[in-house]
Amino acid sequence: MAKVSIKRAYEAPAAGDGRRVLVDRLWPRGVGKAEAKLDDWLKDVAPSSDLRRWFGHDPERWPEFRRRYRAELQANPAAEALRRLAAKGRLTLIYGARDTEHNDAVVLAEWLADRD
């Protein structure tokens, strides 16, 4: 499988990013579509709205969020589509959260690595 990395939507795109895929259900505030330079926006691979609201980016809820989100991914056809994209070459998962350690892209990157 190709190398998968993660990057905040507020960071400048780089030539080495490969395919850039936004993996959030909501568009990141203050980021224009042109400046984001995305190849895809896979809203359906993001955590469910209920799970996202429950988590609220609370680091204390992180372990349970990871467990629940991974369970959602097991039954999500969009996750399999993302896995197929990752198999084709370099992939950068783009996210909007401020917290670089506790966000859905981190879980997605782990989930993809587990399927490598």
PDB file of N, CA and C in Angstrom:
ATOM      1  N   MET A   1       0.847  -1.186   0.000  1.00  0.00           N
ATOM      2  CA  MET A   1       0.000   0.000   0.000  1.00  0.00           C
ATOM      3  C   MET A   1       0.885   1.240   0.000  1.00  0.00           C
ATOM      4  N   ALA A   2       0.357   2.280  -0.538  1.00  0.00           N
ATOM      5  CA  ALA A   2       1.087   3.543  -0.629  1.00  0.00           C
ATOM      6  C   ALA A   2       1.209   4.210   0.736  1.00  0.00           C
ATOM      7  N   LYS A   3       2.082   5.171   0.799  1.00  0.00           N
ATOM      8  CA  LYS A   3       2.254   5.944   2.026  1.00  0.00           C
ATOM      9  C   LYS A   3       1.053   6.854   2.241  1.00  0.00           C
ATOM     10  N   VAL A   4       0.535   6.830   3.454  1.00  0.00           N
ATOM     11  CA  VAL A   4      -0.596   7.681   3.820  1.00  0.00           C
ATOM     12  C   VAL A   4      -0.106   8.660   4.871  1.00  0.00           C
ATOM     13  N   SER A   5      -0.410   9.940   4.666  1.00  0.00           N
ATOM     14  CA  SER A   5      -0.066  10.955   5.649  1.00  0.00           C
ATOM     15  C   SER A   5      -1.309  11.785   5.944  1.00  0.00           C
ATOM     16  N   ILE A   6      -1.213  12.587   6.975  1.00  0.00           N
ATOM     17  CA  ILE A   6      -2.326  13.472   7.324  1.00  0.00           C
ATOM     18  C   ILE A   6      -1.823  14.902   7.400  1.00  0.00           C
ATOM     19  N   LYS A   7      -2.735  15.842   7.123  1.00  0.00           N
ATOM     20  CA  LYS A   7      -2.351  17.250   7.096  1.00  0.00           C
ATOM     21  C   LYS A   7      -3.588  18.092   7.377  1.00  0.00           C
ATOM     22  N   ARG A   8      -3.399  19.160   8.126  1.00  0.00           N
ATOM     23  CA  ARG A   8      -4.503  20.092   8.373  1.00  0.00           C
ATOM     24  C   ARG A   8      -4.849  20.837   7.093  1.00  0.00           C
ATOM     25  N   ALA A   9      -6.098  21.145   6.931  1.00  0.00           N
ATOM     26  CA  ALA A   9      -6.570  21.878   5.752  1.00  0.00           C
ATOM     27  C   ALA A   9      -5.949  23.268   5.677  1.00  0.00           C
ATOM     28  N   TYR A  10      -5.446  23.768   6.802  1.00  0.00           N
ATOM     29  CA  TYR A  10      -4.880  25.115   6.861  1.00  0.00           C
ATOM     30  C   TYR A  10      -3.400  25.144   6.497  1.00  0.00           C
ATOM     31  N   GLU A  11      -2.801  23.969   6.275  1.00  0.00           N
ATOM     32  CA  GLU A  11      -1.406  23.895   5.840  1.00  0.00           C
ATOM     33  C   GLU A  11      -1.374  23.968   4.319  1.00  0.00           C
ATOM     34  N   ALA A  12      -0.329  24.579   3.798  1.00  0.00           N
ATOM     35  CA  ALA A  12      -0.196  24.722   2.342  1.00  0.00           C
ATOM     36  C   ALA A  12      -0.006  23.358   1.686  1.00  0.00           C
ATOM     37  N   PRO A  13      -0.645  23.162   0.549  1.00  0.00           N
ATOM     38  CA  PRO A  13      -0.411  21.924  -0.204  1.00  0.00           C
ATOM     39  C   PRO A  13       1.053  21.831  -0.625  1.00  0.00           C
ATOM     40  N   ALA A  14       1.538  20.616  -0.752  1.00  0.00           N
ATOM     41  CA  ALA A  14       2.927  20.397  -1.165  1.00  0.00           C
ATOM     42  C   ALA A  14       2.942  19.397  -2.314  1.00  0.00           C
ATOM     43  N   ALA A  15       3.964  19.473  -3.120  1.00  0.00           N
ATOM     44  CA  ALA A  15       4.084  18.584  -4.276  1.00  0.00           C
ATOM     45  C   ALA A  15       4.101  17.116  -3.852  1.00  0.00           C
ATOM     46  N   GLY A  16       4.640  16.829  -2.691  1.00  0.00           N
ATOM     47  CA  GLY A  16       4.738  15.448  -2.216  1.00  0.00           C
ATOM     48  C   GLY A  16       3.480  14.900  -1.572  1.00  0.00           C
ATOM     49  N   ASP A  17       2.408  15.690  -1.549  1.00  0.00           N
ATOM     50  CA  ASP A  17       1.165  15.228  -0.906  1.00  0.00           C
ATOM     51  C   ASP A  17       0.514  14.068  -1.652  1.00  0.00           C
ATOM     52  N   GLY A  18       0.726  13.986  -2.937  1.00  0.00           N
ATOM     53  CA  GLY A  18       0.011  12.980  -3.719  1.00  0.00           C
ATOM     54  C   GLY A  18      -1.455  13.359  -3.807  1.00  0.00           C
ATOM     55  N   ARG A  19      -2.321  12.376  -3.756  1.00  0.00           N
ATOM     56  CA  ARG A  19      -3.763  12.622  -3.817  1.00  0.00           C
ATOM     57  C   ARG A  19      -4.227  13.198  -2.485  1.00  0.00           C
ATOM     58  N   ARG A  20      -4.866  14.366  -2.536  1.00  0.00           N
ATOM     59  CA  ARG A  20      -5.329  15.067  -1.329  1.00  0.00           C
ATOM     60  C   ARG A  20      -6.831  14.851  -1.164  1.00  0.00           C
ATOM     61  N   VAL A  21      -7.207  14.230  -0.030  1.00  0.00           N
ATOM     62  CA  VAL A  21      -8.603  13.877   0.205  1.00  0.00           C
ATOM     63  C   VAL A  21      -9.074  14.461   1.535  1.00  0.00           C
ATOM     64  N   LEU A  22     -10.079  15.325   1.462  1.00  0.00           N
ATOM     65  CA  LEU A  22     -10.700  15.849   2.679  1.00  0.00           C
ATOM     66  C   LEU A  22     -11.566  14.746   3.271  1.00  0.00           C
ATOM     67  N   VAL A  23     -11.351  14.437   4.551  1.00  0.00           N
ATOM     68  CA  VAL A  23     -12.060  13.322   5.189  1.00  0.00           C
ATOM     69  C   VAL A  23     -12.999  13.783   6.299  1.00  0.00           C
ATOM     70  N   ASP A  24     -13.338  15.057   6.316  1.00  0.00           N
ATOM     71  CA  ASP A  24     -14.292  15.600   7.293  1.00  0.00           C
ATOM     72  C   ASP A  24     -15.669  15.714   6.654  1.00  0.00           C
ATOM     73  N   ARG A  25     -16.681  15.597   7.468  1.00  0.00           N
ATOM     74  CA  ARG A  25     -18.056  15.760   6.984  1.00  0.00           C
ATOM     75  C   ARG A  25     -18.356  17.227   6.685  1.00  0.00           C
ATOM     76  N   LEU A  26     -17.719  18.130   7.440  1.00  0.00           N
ATOM     77  CA  LEU A  26     -17.942  19.568   7.278  1.00  0.00           C
ATOM     78  C   LEU A  26     -16.723  20.215   6.623  1.00  0.00           C
ATOM     79  N   TRP A  27     -16.979  21.204   5.765  1.00  0.00           N
ATOM     80  CA  TRP A  27     -15.881  21.933   5.127  1.00  0.00           C
ATOM     81  C   TRP A  27     -15.153  22.778   6.174  1.00  0.00           C
ATOM     82  N   PRO A  28     -13.819  22.801   6.161  1.00  0.00           N
ATOM     83  CA  PRO A  28     -13.061  23.597   7.148  1.00  0.00           C
ATOM     84  C   PRO A  28     -13.307  25.097   6.985  1.00  0.00           C
ATOM     85  N   ARG A  29     -13.589  25.748   8.087  1.00  0.00           N
ATOM     86  CA  ARG A  29     -13.870  27.194   8.066  1.00  0.00           C
ATOM     87  C   ARG A  29     -12.691  27.984   7.543  1.00  0.00           C
ATOM     88  N   GLY A  30     -13.003  28.959   6.699  1.00  0.00           N
ATOM     89  CA  GLY A  30     -11.991  29.891   6.224  1.00  0.00           C
ATOM     90  C   GLY A  30     -11.065  29.361   5.144  1.00  0.00           C
ATOM     91  N   VAL A  31     -11.317  28.162   4.657  1.00  0.00           N
ATOM     92  CA  VAL A  31     -10.476  27.587   3.608  1.00  0.00           C
ATOM     93  C   VAL A  31     -11.267  27.604   2.299  1.00  0.00           C
ATOM     94  N   GLY A  32     -10.720  28.273   1.304  1.00  0.00           N
ATOM     95  CA  GLY A  32     -11.366  28.309   0.001  1.00  0.00           C
ATOM     96  C   GLY A  32     -11.119  27.028  -0.770  1.00  0.00           C
ATOM     97  N   LYS A  33     -12.055  26.684  -1.633  1.00  0.00           N
ATOM     98  CA  LYS A  33     -11.912  25.447  -2.414  1.00  0.00           C
ATOM     99  C   LYS A  33     -10.676  25.482  -3.297  1.00  0.00           C
ATOM    100  N   ALA A  34     -10.364  26.638  -3.869  1.00  0.00           N
ATOM    101  CA  ALA A  34      -9.189  26.736  -4.746  1.00  0.00           C
ATOM    102  C   ALA A  34      -7.896  26.542  -3.952  1.00  0.00           C
ATOM    103  N   GLU A  35      -7.811  27.166  -2.778  1.00  0.00           N
ATOM    104  CA  GLU A  35      -6.572  27.060  -1.999  1.00  0.00           C
ATOM    105  C   GLU A  35      -6.395  25.677  -1.375  1.00  0.00           C
ATOM    106  N   ALA A  36      -7.475  24.946  -1.164  1.00  0.00           N
ATOM    107  CA  ALA A  36      -7.378  23.613  -0.564  1.00  0.00           C
ATOM    108  C   ALA A  36      -6.731  22.610  -1.510  1.00  0.00           C
ATOM    109  N   LYS A  37      -6.906  22.827  -2.808  1.00  0.00           N
ATOM    110  CA  LYS A  37      -6.322  21.946  -3.828  1.00  0.00           C
ATOM    111  C   LYS A  37      -6.593  20.468  -3.523  1.00  0.00           C
ATOM    112  N   LEU A  38      -7.873  20.153  -3.369  1.00  0.00           N
ATOM    113  CA  LEU A  38      -8.272  18.782  -3.065  1.00  0.00           C
ATOM    114  C   LEU A  38      -8.543  17.992  -4.337  1.00  0.00           C
ATOM    115  N   ASP A  39      -8.266  16.708  -4.261  1.00  0.00           N
ATOM    116  CA  ASP A  39      -8.619  15.800  -5.346  1.00  0.00           C
ATOM    117  C   ASP A  39      -9.982  15.163  -5.091  1.00  0.00           C
ATOM    118  N   ASP A  40     -10.315  14.990  -3.822  1.00  0.00           N
ATOM    119  CA  ASP A  40     -11.591  14.381  -3.438  1.00  0.00           C
ATOM    120  C   ASP A  40     -12.043  14.923  -2.090  1.00  0.00           C
ATOM    121  N   TRP A  41     -13.350  14.824  -1.876  1.00  0.00           N
ATOM    122  CA  TRP A  41     -13.925  15.111  -0.556  1.00  0.00           C
ATOM    123  C   TRP A  41     -14.824  13.938  -0.233  1.00  0.00           C
ATOM    124  N   LEU A  42     -14.353  13.071   0.648  1.00  0.00           N
ATOM    125  CA  LEU A  42     -15.114  11.878   1.015  1.00  0.00           C
ATOM    126  C   LEU A  42     -15.837  12.113   2.338  1.00  0.00           C
ATOM    127  N   LYS A  43     -16.938  12.837   2.277  1.00  0.00           N
ATOM    128  CA  LYS A  43     -17.729  13.136   3.480  1.00  0.00           C
ATOM    129  C   LYS A  43     -18.200  11.867   4.174  1.00  0.00           C
ATOM    130  N   ASP A  44     -18.530  10.865   3.363  1.00  0.00           N
ATOM    131  CA  ASP A  44     -19.136   9.655   3.920  1.00  0.00           C
ATOM    132  C   ASP A  44     -18.166   8.784   4.704  1.00  0.00           C
ATOM    133  N   VAL A  45     -16.861   9.067   4.607  1.00  0.00           N
ATOM    134  CA  VAL A  45     -15.891   8.298   5.385  1.00  0.00           C
ATOM    135  C   VAL A  45     -15.697   8.915   6.781  1.00  0.00           C
ATOM    136  N   ALA A  46     -16.200  10.104   6.966  1.00  0.00           N
ATOM    137  CA  ALA A  46     -16.072  10.816   8.248  1.00  0.00           C
ATOM    138  C   ALA A  46     -16.934  10.139   9.324  1.00  0.00           C
ATOM    139  N   PRO A  47     -16.645  10.406  10.585  1.00  0.00           N
ATOM    140  CA  PRO A  47     -17.493   9.867  11.653  1.00  0.00           C
ATOM    141  C   PRO A  47     -18.933  10.350  11.478  1.00  0.00           C
ATOM    142  N   SER A  48     -19.867   9.554  11.952  1.00  0.00           N
ATOM    143  CA  SER A  48     -21.269   9.966  11.898  1.00  0.00           C
ATOM    144  C   SER A  48     -21.440  11.283  12.650  1.00  0.00           C
ATOM    145  N   SER A  49     -22.462  12.014  12.290  1.00  0.00           N
ATOM    146  CA  SER A  49     -22.716  13.297  12.973  1.00  0.00           C
ATOM    147  C   SER A  49     -22.915  13.092  14.463  1.00  0.00           C
ATOM    148  N   ASP A  50     -23.615  12.023  14.850  1.00  0.00           N
ATOM    149  CA  ASP A  50     -23.825  11.744  16.278  1.00  0.00           C
ATOM    150  C   ASP A  50     -22.510  11.493  16.998  1.00  0.00           C
ATOM    151  N   LEU A  51     -21.633  10.705  16.386  1.00  0.00           N
ATOM    152  CA  LEU A  51     -20.335  10.415  17.011  1.00  0.00           C
ATOM    153  C   LEU A  51     -19.480  11.669  17.081  1.00  0.00           C
ATOM    154  N   ARG A  52     -19.475  12.442  16.017  1.00  0.00           N
ATOM    155  CA  ARG A  52     -18.690  13.689  15.986  1.00  0.00           C
ATOM    156  C   ARG A  52     -19.139  14.637  17.100  1.00  0.00           C
ATOM    157  N   ARG A  53     -20.455  14.794  17.247  1.00  0.00           N
ATOM    158  CA  ARG A  53     -20.970  15.682  18.305  1.00  0.00           C
ATOM    159  C   ARG A  53     -20.643  15.134  19.684  1.00  0.00           C
ATOM    160  N   TRP A  54     -20.780  13.822  19.867  1.00  0.00           N
ATOM    161  CA  TRP A  54     -20.482  13.220  21.170  1.00  0.00           C
ATOM    162  C   TRP A  54     -19.015  13.445  21.545  1.00  0.00           C
ATOM    163  N   PHE A  55     -18.111  13.242  20.583  1.00  0.00           N
ATOM    164  CA  PHE A  55     -16.676  13.401  20.842  1.00  0.00           C
ATOM    165  C   PHE A  55     -16.335  14.844  21.181  1.00  0.00           C
ATOM    166  N   GLY A  56     -16.802  15.771  20.388  1.00  0.00           N
ATOM    167  CA  GLY A  56     -16.559  17.191  20.653  1.00  0.00           C
ATOM    168  C   GLY A  56     -15.088  17.553  20.793  1.00  0.00           C
ATOM    169  N   HIS A  57     -14.196  16.773  20.215  1.00  0.00           N
ATOM    170  CA  HIS A  57     -12.745  16.996  20.289  1.00  0.00           C
ATOM    171  C   HIS A  57     -12.235  17.020  21.731  1.00  0.00           C
ATOM    172  N   ASP A  58     -12.884  16.227  22.591  1.00  0.00           N
ATOM    173  CA  ASP A  58     -12.476  16.106  23.990  1.00  0.00           C
ATOM    174  C   ASP A  58     -11.439  14.984  24.098  1.00  0.00           C
ATOM    175  N   PRO A  59     -10.169  15.324  24.382  1.00  0.00           N
ATOM    176  CA  PRO A  59      -9.126  14.295  24.449  1.00  0.00           C
ATOM    177  C   PRO A  59      -9.437  13.162  25.431  1.00  0.00           C
ATOM    178  N   GLU A  60     -10.211  13.442  26.470  1.00  0.00           N
ATOM    179  CA  GLU A  60     -10.559  12.386  27.422  1.00  0.00           C
ATOM    180  C   GLU A  60     -11.472  11.338  26.792  1.00  0.00           C
ATOM    181  N   ARG A  61     -12.192  11.727  25.760  1.00  0.00           N
ATOM    182  CA  ARG A  61     -13.084  10.785  25.067  1.00  0.00           C
ATOM    183  C   ARG A  61     -12.389  10.086  23.899  1.00  0.00           C
ATOM    184  N   TRP A  62     -11.126  10.405  23.657  1.00  0.00           N
ATOM    185  CA  TRP A  62     -10.400   9.887  22.506  1.00  0.00           C
ATOM    186  C   TRP A  62     -10.411   8.357  22.397  1.00  0.00           C
ATOM    187  N   PRO A  63     -10.048   7.619  23.455  1.00  0.00           N
ATOM    188  CA  PRO A  63     -10.022   6.156  23.297  1.00  0.00           C
ATOM    189  C   PRO A  63     -11.392   5.586  22.869  1.00  0.00           C
ATOM    190  N   GLU A  64     -12.439   6.076  23.471  1.00  0.00           N
ATOM    191  CA  GLU A  64     -13.775   5.593  23.119  1.00  0.00           C
ATOM    192  C   GLU A  64     -14.174   6.069  21.724  1.00  0.00           C
ATOM    193  N   PHE A  65     -13.797   7.293  21.348  1.00  0.00           N
ATOM    194  CA  PHE A  65     -14.073   7.786  19.998  1.00  0.00           C
ATOM    195  C   PHE A  65     -13.392   6.888  18.968  1.00  0.00           C
ATOM    196  N   ARG A  66     -12.113   6.574  19.193  1.00  0.00           N
ATOM    197  CA  ARG A  66     -11.376   5.708  18.268  1.00  0.00           C
ATOM    198  C   ARG A  66     -12.076   4.365  18.115  1.00  0.00           C
ATOM    199  N   ARG A  67     -12.484   3.779  19.231  1.00  0.00           N
ATOM    200  CA  ARG A  67     -13.151   2.476  19.183  1.00  0.00           C
ATOM    201  C   ARG A  67     -14.453   2.557  18.386  1.00  0.00           C
ATOM    202  N   ARG A  68     -15.270   3.564  18.687  1.00  0.00           N
ATOM    203  CA  ARG A  68     -16.560   3.713  17.999  1.00  0.00           C
ATOM    204  C   ARG A  68     -16.385   4.042  16.516  1.00  0.00           C
ATOM    205  N   TYR A  69     -15.440   4.908  16.201  1.00  0.00           N
ATOM    206  CA  TYR A  69     -15.233   5.294  14.809  1.00  0.00           C
ATOM    207  C   TYR A  69     -14.733   4.095  13.998  1.00  0.00           C
ATOM    208  N   ARG A  70     -13.800   3.339  14.561  1.00  0.00           N
ATOM    209  CA  ARG A  70     -13.311   2.147  13.855  1.00  0.00           C
ATOM    210  C   ARG A  70     -14.451   1.157  13.613  1.00  0.00           C
ATOM    211  N   ALA A  71     -15.366   1.046  14.558  1.00  0.00           N
ATOM    212  CA  ALA A  71     -16.534   0.178  14.372  1.00  0.00           C
ATOM    213  C   ALA A  71     -17.393   0.700  13.219  1.00  0.00           C
ATOM    214  N   GLU A  72     -17.566   2.013  13.134  1.00  0.00           N
ATOM    215  CA  GLU A  72     -18.311   2.595  12.021  1.00  0.00           C
ATOM    216  C   GLU A  72     -17.623   2.297  10.687  1.00  0.00           C
ATOM    217  N   LEU A  73     -16.308   2.388  10.675  1.00  0.00           N
ATOM    218  CA  LEU A  73     -15.562   2.163   9.434  1.00  0.00           C
ATOM    219  C   LEU A  73     -15.738   0.740   8.908  1.00  0.00           C
ATOM    220  N   GLN A  74     -15.870  -0.220   9.809  1.00  0.00           N
ATOM    221  CA  GLN A  74     -16.012  -1.621   9.387  1.00  0.00           C
ATOM    222  C   GLN A  74     -17.236  -1.822   8.495  1.00  0.00           C
ATOM    223  N   ALA A  75     -18.282  -1.041   8.727  1.00  0.00           N
ATOM    224  CA  ALA A  75     -19.532  -1.198   7.975  1.00  0.00           C
ATOM    225  C   ALA A  75     -19.732  -0.090   6.944  1.00  0.00           C
ATOM    226  N   ASN A  76     -18.678   0.660   6.642  1.00  0.00           N
ATOM    227  CA  ASN A  76     -18.812   1.832   5.785  1.00  0.00           C
ATOM    228  C   ASN A  76     -18.180   1.590   4.404  1.00  0.00           C
ATOM    229  N   PRO A  77     -19.002   1.550   3.342  1.00  0.00           N
ATOM    230  CA  PRO A  77     -18.444   1.343   2.004  1.00  0.00           C
ATOM    231  C   PRO A  77     -17.479   2.456   1.574  1.00  0.00           C
ATOM    232  N   ALA A  78     -17.660   3.656   2.072  1.00  0.00           N
ATOM    233  CA  ALA A  78     -16.761   4.764   1.731  1.00  0.00           C
ATOM    234  C   ALA A  78     -15.349   4.496   2.261  1.00  0.00           C
ATOM    235  N   ALA A  79     -15.245   3.788   3.384  1.00  0.00           N
ATOM    236  CA  ALA A  79     -13.928   3.456   3.933  1.00  0.00           C
ATOM    237  C   ALA A  79     -13.188   2.510   2.998  1.00  0.00           C
ATOM    238  N   GLU A  80     -13.910   1.587   2.407  1.00  0.00           N
ATOM    239  CA  GLU A  80     -13.286   0.674   1.443  1.00  0.00           C
ATOM    240  C   GLU A  80     -12.844   1.439   0.194  1.00  0.00           C
ATOM    241  N   ALA A  81     -13.635   2.419  -0.224  1.00  0.00           N
ATOM    242  CA  ALA A  81     -13.253   3.255  -1.373  1.00  0.00           C
ATOM    243  C   ALA A  81     -11.964   4.020  -1.055  1.00  0.00           C
ATOM    244  N   LEU A  82     -11.845   4.511   0.173  1.00  0.00           N
ATOM    245  CA  LEU A  82     -10.628   5.211   0.581  1.00  0.00           C
ATOM    246  C   LEU A  82      -9.436   4.248   0.581  1.00  0.00           C
ATOM    247  N   ARG A  83      -9.653   3.035   1.034  1.00  0.00           N
ATOM    248  CA  ARG A  83      -8.580   2.036   1.034  1.00  0.00           C
ATOM    249  C   ARG A  83      -8.096   1.774  -0.398  1.00  0.00           C
ATOM    250  N   ARG A  84      -9.017   1.709  -1.352  1.00  0.00           N
ATOM    251  CA  ARG A  84      -8.634   1.502  -2.751  1.00  0.00           C
ATOM    252  C   ARG A  84      -7.836   2.700  -3.285  1.00  0.00           C
ATOM    253  N   LEU A  85      -8.219   3.917  -2.885  1.00  0.00           N
ATOM    254  CA  LEU A  85      -7.447   5.103  -3.287  1.00  0.00           C
ATOM    255  C   LEU A  85      -6.031   5.033  -2.730  1.00  0.00           C
ATOM    256  N   ALA A  86      -5.914   4.621  -1.482  1.00  0.00           N
ATOM    257  CA  ALA A  86      -4.599   4.539  -0.840  1.00  0.00           C
ATOM    258  C   ALA A  86      -3.713   3.508  -1.542  1.00  0.00           C
ATOM    259  N   ALA A  87      -4.311   2.465  -2.071  1.00  0.00           N
ATOM    260  CA  ALA A  87      -3.546   1.416  -2.741  1.00  0.00           C
ATOM    261  C   ALA A  87      -2.970   1.898  -4.070  1.00  0.00           C
ATOM    262  N   LYS A  88      -3.503   2.980  -4.608  1.00  0.00           N
ATOM    263  CA  LYS A  88      -3.073   3.479  -5.916  1.00  0.00           C
ATOM    264  C   LYS A  88      -1.841   4.374  -5.856  1.00  0.00           C
ATOM    265  N   GLY A  89      -1.502   4.876  -4.691  1.00  0.00           N
ATOM    266  CA  GLY A  89      -0.341   5.773  -4.608  1.00  0.00           C
ATOM    267  C   GLY A  89      -0.409   6.654  -3.373  1.00  0.00           C
ATOM    268  N   ARG A  90       0.509   7.569  -3.299  1.00  0.00           N
ATOM    269  CA  ARG A  90       0.604   8.476  -2.147  1.00  0.00           C
ATOM    270  C   ARG A  90      -0.727   9.169  -1.878  1.00  0.00           C
ATOM    271  N   LEU A  91      -1.125   9.199  -0.612  1.00  0.00           N
ATOM    272  CA  LEU A  91      -2.413   9.752  -0.207  1.00  0.00           C
ATOM    273  C   LEU A  91      -2.224  10.628   1.025  1.00  0.00           C
ATOM    274  N   THR A  92      -2.793  11.827   0.989  1.00  0.00           N
ATOM    275  CA  THR A  92      -2.784  12.704   2.158  1.00  0.00           C
ATOM    276  C   THR A  92      -4.221  12.942   2.588  1.00  0.00           C
ATOM    277  N   LEU A  93      -4.508  12.576   3.830  1.00  0.00           N
ATOM    278  CA  LEU A  93      -5.833  12.784   4.418  1.00  0.00           C
ATOM    279  C   LEU A  93      -5.862  14.190   4.997  1.00  0.00           C
ATOM    280  N   ILE A  94      -6.796  14.997   4.526  1.00  0.00           N
ATOM    281  CA  ILE A  94      -6.905  16.393   4.949  1.00  0.00           C
ATOM    282  C   ILE A  94      -8.039  16.519   5.959  1.00  0.00           C
ATOM    283  N   TYR A  95      -7.769  17.250   7.053  1.00  0.00           N
ATOM    284  CA  TYR A  95      -8.770  17.442   8.107  1.00  0.00           C
ATOM    285  C   TYR A  95      -8.724  18.886   8.581  1.00  0.00           C
ATOM    286  N   GLY A  96      -9.779  19.322   9.263  1.00  0.00           N
ATOM    287  CA  GLY A  96      -9.852  20.702   9.710  1.00  0.00           C
ATOM    288  C   GLY A  96      -9.638  20.918  11.198  1.00  0.00           C
ATOM    289  N   ALA A  97      -9.635  19.873  12.005  1.00  0.00           N
ATOM    290  CA  ALA A  97      -9.544  20.010  13.463  1.00  0.00           C
ATOM    291  C   ALA A  97      -8.253  20.707  13.894  1.00  0.00           C
ATOM    292  N   ARG A  98      -8.332  21.437  14.999  1.00  0.00           N
ATOM    293  CA  ARG A  98      -7.138  22.096  15.557  1.00  0.00           C
ATOM    294  C   ARG A  98      -6.186  21.078  16.180  1.00  0.00           C
ATOM    295  N   ASP A  99      -6.770  20.083  16.838  1.00  0.00           N
ATOM    296  CA  ASP A  99      -5.986  19.078  17.547  1.00  0.00           C
ATOM    297  C   ASP A  99      -5.378  18.108  16.530  1.00  0.00           C
ATOM    298  N   THR A 100      -4.058  18.095  16.453  1.00  0.00           N
ATOM    299  CA  THR A 100      -3.381  17.267  15.450  1.00  0.00           C
ATOM    300  C   THR A 100      -3.240  15.801  15.880  1.00  0.00           C
ATOM    301  N   GLU A 101      -3.525  15.501  17.151  1.00  0.00           N
ATOM    302  CA  GLU A 101      -3.369  14.137  17.654  1.00  0.00           C
ATOM    303  C   GLU A 101      -4.690  13.409  17.862  1.00  0.00           C
ATOM    304  N   HIS A 102      -5.777  14.158  18.016  1.00  0.00           N
ATOM    305  CA  HIS A 102      -7.082  13.563  18.332  1.00  0.00           C
ATOM    306  C   HIS A 102      -8.112  14.010  17.300  1.00  0.00           C
ATOM    307  N   ASN A 103      -8.086  13.382  16.134  1.00  0.00           N
ATOM    308  CA  ASN A 103      -9.046  13.731  15.088  1.00  0.00           C
ATOM    309  C   ASN A 103      -9.305  12.517  14.205  1.00  0.00           C
ATOM    310  N   ASP A 104     -10.331  12.615  13.380  1.00  0.00           N
ATOM    311  CA  ASP A 104     -10.742  11.474  12.562  1.00  0.00           C
ATOM    312  C   ASP A 104      -9.662  11.032  11.567  1.00  0.00           C
ATOM    313  N   ALA A 105      -8.860  11.947  11.048  1.00  0.00           N
ATOM    314  CA  ALA A 105      -7.823  11.567  10.090  1.00  0.00           C
ATOM    315  C   ALA A 105      -6.778  10.655  10.733  1.00  0.00           C
ATOM    316  N   VAL A 106      -6.484  10.875  12.003  1.00  0.00           N
ATOM    317  CA  VAL A 106      -5.533  10.009  12.713  1.00  0.00           C
ATOM    318  C   VAL A 106      -6.075   8.583  12.750  1.00  0.00           C
ATOM    319  N   VAL A 107      -7.351   8.443  13.082  1.00  0.00           N
ATOM    320  CA  VAL A 107      -7.969   7.120  13.145  1.00  0.00           C
ATOM    321  C   VAL A 107      -7.994   6.479  11.757  1.00  0.00           C
ATOM    322  N   LEU A 108      -8.339   7.263  10.747  1.00  0.00           N
ATOM    323  CA  LEU A 108      -8.375   6.737   9.378  1.00  0.00           C
ATOM    324  C   LEU A 108      -6.999   6.246   8.928  1.00  0.00           C
ATOM    325  N   ALA A 109      -5.953   7.012   9.224  1.00  0.00           N
ATOM    326  CA  ALA A 109      -4.600   6.608   8.846  1.00  0.00           C
ATOM    327  C   ALA A 109      -4.222   5.303   9.548  1.00  0.00           C
ATOM    328  N   GLU A 110      -4.576   5.160  10.824  1.00  0.00           N
ATOM    329  CA  GLU A 110      -4.318   3.917  11.558  1.00  0.00           C
ATOM    330  C   GLU A 110      -5.094   2.764  10.925  1.00  0.00           C
ATOM    331  N   TRP A 111      -6.352   3.026  10.621  1.00  0.00           N
ATOM    332  CA  TRP A 111      -7.223   1.996  10.048  1.00  0.00           C
ATOM    333  C   TRP A 111      -6.669   1.524   8.701  1.00  0.00           C
ATOM    334  N   LEU A 112      -6.202   2.461   7.878  1.00  0.00           N
ATOM    335  CA  LEU A 112      -5.609   2.096   6.587  1.00  0.00           C
ATOM    336  C   LEU A 112      -4.318   1.304   6.774  1.00  0.00           C
ATOM    337  N   ALA A 113      -3.500   1.702   7.733  1.00  0.00           N
ATOM    338  CA  ALA A 113      -2.236   0.997   8.001  1.00  0.00           C
ATOM    339  C   ALA A 113      -2.508  -0.440   8.457  1.00  0.00           C
ATOM    340  N   ASP A 114      -3.573  -0.645   9.212  1.00  0.00           N
ATOM    341  CA  ASP A 114      -3.929  -1.976   9.675  1.00  0.00           C
ATOM    342  C   ASP A 114      -4.336  -2.888   8.518  1.00  0.00           C
ATOM    343  N   ARG A 115      -4.728  -2.292   7.407  1.00  0.00           N
ATOM    344  CA  ARG A 115      -5.159  -3.062   6.244  1.00  0.00           C
ATOM    345  C   ARG A 115      -4.069  -3.193   5.203  1.00  0.00           C
ATOM    346  N   ASP A 116      -2.906  -2.695   5.513  1.00  0.00           N
ATOM    347  CA  ASP A 116      -1.767  -2.720   4.591  1.00  0.00           C
ATOM    348  C   ASP A 116      -1.207  -4.129   4.460  1.00  0.00           C
TER     349      ASP A 116
END
